[in-house]
């Protein structure tokens, strides 16, 4: 029983690392990587609470990772829009 639990845990960790590394390779923006890593950890936590973590984790991780990347894009877009707006105001004032 204990060895079976260890084997399942090891299998789960391998799956998590494989999917995480694949996703990190797909996302070229290094600033997103910490958010994706946190998404993997959160998905693993939630999946481990279910009866079928190996089944639940991939879908949950994909959702959370997509949300993390989208959130980063929105923040970056807001930053650049704010910066552009600030520059435009400073040009007008100057």
N, C-alpha and C. Protein backbone atom coordinates (compact mmCIF):
# COMPACT_ATOMS: atom_id res chain seq x y z
N UNK A 1 0.82 -1.19 0.00
CA UNK A 1 0.00 0.00 0.00
C UNK A 1 0.87 1.26 0.00
N UNK A 2 1.87 1.30 0.89
CA UNK A 2 2.74 2.48 0.96
C UNK A 2 3.53 2.63 -0.33
N UNK A 3 4.05 1.53 -0.86
CA UNK A 3 4.83 1.63 -2.09
C UNK A 3 3.93 2.06 -3.26
N UNK A 4 2.69 1.66 -3.25
CA UNK A 4 1.74 2.08 -4.30
C UNK A 4 1.48 3.58 -4.19
N UNK A 5 1.33 4.08 -2.97
CA UNK A 5 1.13 5.52 -2.76
C UNK A 5 2.36 6.31 -3.20
N UNK A 6 3.53 5.79 -2.89
CA UNK A 6 4.77 6.45 -3.32
C UNK A 6 4.88 6.46 -4.83
N UNK A 7 4.51 5.36 -5.44
CA UNK A 7 4.57 5.28 -6.91
C UNK A 7 3.61 6.28 -7.54
N UNK A 8 2.41 6.41 -6.97
CA UNK A 8 1.44 7.38 -7.50
C UNK A 8 1.94 8.80 -7.31
N UNK A 9 2.51 9.08 -6.16
CA UNK A 9 3.06 10.41 -5.90
C UNK A 9 4.19 10.72 -6.87
N UNK A 10 5.06 9.75 -7.09
CA UNK A 10 6.16 9.94 -8.03
C UNK A 10 5.64 10.16 -9.44
N UNK A 11 4.64 9.39 -9.83
CA UNK A 11 4.05 9.54 -11.16
C UNK A 11 3.42 10.92 -11.31
N UNK A 12 2.77 11.37 -10.25
CA UNK A 12 2.15 12.69 -10.27
C UNK A 12 3.21 13.78 -10.40
N UNK A 13 4.29 13.67 -9.67
CA UNK A 13 5.38 14.66 -9.73
C UNK A 13 6.01 14.70 -11.12
N UNK A 14 6.18 13.53 -11.71
CA UNK A 14 6.76 13.47 -13.07
C UNK A 14 5.82 14.16 -14.05
N UNK A 15 4.54 13.89 -13.94
CA UNK A 15 3.56 14.53 -14.82
C UNK A 15 3.58 16.04 -14.64
N UNK A 16 3.59 16.48 -13.39
CA UNK A 16 3.61 17.91 -13.11
C UNK A 16 4.84 18.58 -13.71
N UNK A 17 6.00 18.00 -13.50
CA UNK A 17 7.24 18.58 -14.03
C UNK A 17 7.26 18.57 -15.56
N UNK A 18 6.79 17.49 -16.14
CA UNK A 18 6.78 17.39 -17.61
C UNK A 18 5.89 18.46 -18.23
N UNK A 19 4.67 18.60 -17.69
CA UNK A 19 3.75 19.60 -18.22
C UNK A 19 4.23 21.02 -17.94
N UNK A 20 4.81 21.22 -16.77
CA UNK A 20 5.33 22.55 -16.43
C UNK A 20 6.47 22.93 -17.37
N UNK A 21 7.42 22.04 -17.57
CA UNK A 21 8.55 22.34 -18.45
C UNK A 21 8.09 22.58 -19.88
N UNK A 22 7.14 21.80 -20.34
CA UNK A 22 6.60 21.98 -21.69
C UNK A 22 5.98 23.37 -21.82
N UNK A 23 5.20 23.76 -20.80
CA UNK A 23 4.55 25.07 -20.86
C UNK A 23 5.56 26.20 -20.78
N UNK A 24 6.57 26.06 -19.94
CA UNK A 24 7.60 27.10 -19.85
C UNK A 24 8.35 27.24 -21.17
N UNK A 25 8.57 26.13 -21.86
CA UNK A 25 9.22 26.19 -23.17
C UNK A 25 8.35 26.92 -24.20
N UNK A 26 7.05 26.83 -24.05
CA UNK A 26 6.12 27.46 -25.00
C UNK A 26 6.02 28.97 -24.79
N UNK A 27 6.24 29.41 -23.57
CA UNK A 27 6.10 30.83 -23.24
C UNK A 27 7.48 31.47 -23.23
N UNK A 28 7.73 32.31 -24.19
CA UNK A 28 9.06 32.91 -24.33
C UNK A 28 9.30 34.04 -23.35
N UNK A 29 8.24 34.68 -22.89
CA UNK A 29 8.38 35.80 -21.97
C UNK A 29 8.75 35.27 -20.58
N UNK A 30 9.97 35.49 -20.18
CA UNK A 30 10.46 34.96 -18.91
C UNK A 30 9.75 35.57 -17.71
N UNK A 31 9.17 36.73 -17.87
CA UNK A 31 8.45 37.35 -16.77
C UNK A 31 7.20 36.56 -16.40
N UNK A 32 6.70 35.77 -17.32
CA UNK A 32 5.51 34.94 -17.06
C UNK A 32 5.86 33.66 -16.31
N UNK A 33 7.09 33.24 -16.36
CA UNK A 33 7.47 31.94 -15.80
C UNK A 33 7.13 31.77 -14.32
N UNK A 34 7.41 32.74 -13.46
CA UNK A 34 7.03 32.54 -12.05
C UNK A 34 5.52 32.36 -11.87
N UNK A 35 4.74 33.07 -12.67
CA UNK A 35 3.29 32.93 -12.58
C UNK A 35 2.84 31.54 -13.03
N UNK A 36 3.50 31.01 -14.03
CA UNK A 36 3.16 29.67 -14.52
C UNK A 36 3.58 28.61 -13.50
N UNK A 37 4.71 28.81 -12.88
CA UNK A 37 5.16 27.88 -11.84
C UNK A 37 4.17 27.88 -10.68
N UNK A 38 3.71 29.07 -10.28
CA UNK A 38 2.70 29.13 -9.21
C UNK A 38 1.40 28.46 -9.64
N UNK A 39 1.05 28.61 -10.90
CA UNK A 39 -0.16 27.96 -11.42
C UNK A 39 -0.03 26.44 -11.33
N UNK A 40 1.15 25.93 -11.63
CA UNK A 40 1.38 24.48 -11.53
C UNK A 40 1.27 24.00 -10.09
N UNK A 41 1.84 24.76 -9.18
CA UNK A 41 1.77 24.39 -7.76
C UNK A 41 0.33 24.42 -7.26
N UNK A 42 -0.41 25.45 -7.65
CA UNK A 42 -1.82 25.56 -7.22
C UNK A 42 -2.64 24.43 -7.83
N UNK A 43 -2.44 24.14 -9.09
CA UNK A 43 -3.17 23.05 -9.74
C UNK A 43 -2.85 21.71 -9.08
N UNK A 44 -1.59 21.53 -8.70
CA UNK A 44 -1.19 20.28 -8.02
C UNK A 44 -1.87 20.18 -6.66
N UNK A 45 -1.92 21.29 -5.93
CA UNK A 45 -2.59 21.29 -4.63
C UNK A 45 -4.05 20.90 -4.77
N UNK A 46 -4.73 21.54 -5.71
CA UNK A 46 -6.16 21.27 -5.90
C UNK A 46 -6.41 19.87 -6.43
N UNK A 47 -5.58 19.44 -7.38
CA UNK A 47 -5.76 18.10 -7.95
C UNK A 47 -5.52 17.01 -6.91
N UNK A 48 -4.60 17.25 -6.01
CA UNK A 48 -4.29 16.23 -4.99
C UNK A 48 -5.44 16.03 -4.01
N UNK A 49 -6.38 16.95 -3.98
CA UNK A 49 -7.55 16.82 -3.12
C UNK A 49 -8.63 15.94 -3.73
N UNK A 50 -8.45 15.56 -4.98
CA UNK A 50 -9.45 14.75 -5.67
C UNK A 50 -9.06 13.27 -5.63
N UNK A 51 -9.98 12.43 -6.05
CA UNK A 51 -9.72 10.99 -6.13
C UNK A 51 -8.85 10.63 -7.35
N UNK A 52 -8.81 11.52 -8.33
CA UNK A 52 -8.08 11.23 -9.57
C UNK A 52 -7.16 12.41 -9.95
N UNK A 53 -6.13 12.66 -9.16
CA UNK A 53 -5.27 13.82 -9.43
C UNK A 53 -4.57 13.77 -10.78
N UNK A 54 -4.21 12.58 -11.23
CA UNK A 54 -3.53 12.48 -12.54
C UNK A 54 -4.46 12.88 -13.68
N UNK A 55 -5.71 12.70 -13.49
CA UNK A 55 -6.70 13.07 -14.51
C UNK A 55 -7.04 14.55 -14.43
N UNK A 56 -7.13 15.08 -13.23
CA UNK A 56 -7.56 16.45 -13.01
C UNK A 56 -6.45 17.46 -13.27
N UNK A 57 -5.24 17.13 -12.88
CA UNK A 57 -4.14 18.10 -12.94
C UNK A 57 -3.91 18.70 -14.33
N UNK A 58 -3.82 17.92 -15.40
CA UNK A 58 -3.49 18.54 -16.70
C UNK A 58 -4.48 19.63 -17.12
N UNK A 59 -5.76 19.36 -16.96
CA UNK A 59 -6.77 20.35 -17.36
C UNK A 59 -6.74 21.57 -16.45
N UNK A 60 -6.62 21.33 -15.17
CA UNK A 60 -6.59 22.43 -14.22
C UNK A 60 -5.35 23.29 -14.42
N UNK A 61 -4.22 22.65 -14.63
CA UNK A 61 -2.98 23.39 -14.87
C UNK A 61 -3.09 24.22 -16.14
N UNK A 62 -3.64 23.64 -17.19
CA UNK A 62 -3.79 24.38 -18.45
C UNK A 62 -4.63 25.64 -18.24
N UNK A 63 -5.74 25.50 -17.52
CA UNK A 63 -6.61 26.65 -17.23
C UNK A 63 -5.87 27.71 -16.43
N UNK A 64 -5.22 27.30 -15.36
CA UNK A 64 -4.53 28.26 -14.50
C UNK A 64 -3.34 28.91 -15.20
N UNK A 65 -2.62 28.14 -16.00
CA UNK A 65 -1.48 28.69 -16.75
C UNK A 65 -1.97 29.68 -17.81
N UNK A 66 -3.05 29.34 -18.51
CA UNK A 66 -3.62 30.28 -19.49
C UNK A 66 -4.05 31.57 -18.81
N UNK A 67 -4.68 31.44 -17.65
CA UNK A 67 -5.09 32.64 -16.90
C UNK A 67 -3.89 33.47 -16.48
N UNK A 68 -2.81 32.82 -16.06
CA UNK A 68 -1.61 33.53 -15.64
C UNK A 68 -1.00 34.31 -16.80
N UNK A 69 -0.91 33.68 -17.96
CA UNK A 69 -0.34 34.35 -19.14
C UNK A 69 -1.22 35.52 -19.56
N UNK A 70 -2.52 35.30 -19.57
CA UNK A 70 -3.44 36.38 -19.94
C UNK A 70 -3.38 37.53 -18.95
N UNK A 71 -3.29 37.22 -17.68
CA UNK A 71 -3.19 38.25 -16.65
C UNK A 71 -1.91 39.07 -16.85
N UNK A 72 -0.82 38.39 -17.18
CA UNK A 72 0.43 39.11 -17.43
C UNK A 72 0.29 40.02 -18.65
N UNK A 73 -0.35 39.53 -19.70
CA UNK A 73 -0.54 40.36 -20.90
C UNK A 73 -1.37 41.60 -20.58
N UNK A 74 -2.42 41.41 -19.79
CA UNK A 74 -3.26 42.55 -19.42
C UNK A 74 -2.47 43.56 -18.60
N UNK A 75 -1.68 43.08 -17.65
CA UNK A 75 -0.87 44.00 -16.83
C UNK A 75 0.15 44.74 -17.69
N UNK A 76 0.79 44.02 -18.60
CA UNK A 76 1.78 44.65 -19.47
C UNK A 76 1.10 45.68 -20.37
N UNK A 77 -0.05 45.34 -20.90
CA UNK A 77 -0.78 46.28 -21.74
C UNK A 77 -1.19 47.52 -20.97
N UNK A 78 -1.66 47.33 -19.75
CA UNK A 78 -2.03 48.47 -18.90
C UNK A 78 -0.82 49.33 -18.62
N UNK A 79 0.31 48.69 -18.32
CA UNK A 79 1.54 49.43 -18.04
C UNK A 79 1.92 50.31 -19.24
N UNK A 80 1.91 49.71 -20.43
CA UNK A 80 2.33 50.47 -21.61
C UNK A 80 1.32 51.56 -21.97
N UNK A 81 0.03 51.26 -21.78
CA UNK A 81 -0.98 52.30 -22.04
C UNK A 81 -0.81 53.45 -21.05
N UNK A 82 -0.56 53.13 -19.79
CA UNK A 82 -0.35 54.16 -18.77
C UNK A 82 0.90 54.97 -19.07
N UNK A 83 1.96 54.26 -19.44
CA UNK A 83 3.22 54.94 -19.75
C UNK A 83 3.04 55.86 -20.95
N UNK A 84 2.37 55.38 -21.97
CA UNK A 84 2.13 56.18 -23.16
C UNK A 84 1.27 57.39 -22.82
N UNK A 85 0.25 57.19 -22.01
CA UNK A 85 -0.62 58.29 -21.59
C UNK A 85 0.15 59.32 -20.78
N UNK A 86 1.04 58.87 -19.91
CA UNK A 86 1.84 59.78 -19.09
C UNK A 86 2.79 60.59 -19.97
N UNK A 87 3.40 59.95 -20.94
CA UNK A 87 4.31 60.65 -21.83
C UNK A 87 3.57 61.70 -22.66
N UNK A 88 2.37 61.32 -23.09
CA UNK A 88 1.58 62.25 -23.91
C UNK A 88 1.22 63.49 -23.08
N UNK A 89 0.88 63.27 -21.82
CA UNK A 89 0.53 64.41 -20.95
C UNK A 89 1.77 65.27 -20.71
N UNK A 90 2.91 64.63 -20.46
CA UNK A 90 4.11 65.41 -20.18
C UNK A 90 4.55 66.18 -21.40
N UNK A 91 4.31 65.66 -22.58
CA UNK A 91 4.66 66.38 -23.81
C UNK A 91 3.76 67.61 -23.97
N UNK A 92 2.49 67.42 -23.68
CA UNK A 92 1.54 68.54 -23.80
C UNK A 92 1.86 69.62 -22.79
N UNK A 93 2.19 69.21 -21.55
CA UNK A 93 2.47 70.17 -20.49
C UNK A 93 3.78 70.89 -20.76
N UNK A 94 4.77 70.22 -21.28
CA UNK A 94 6.10 70.81 -21.49
C UNK A 94 6.10 71.84 -22.53
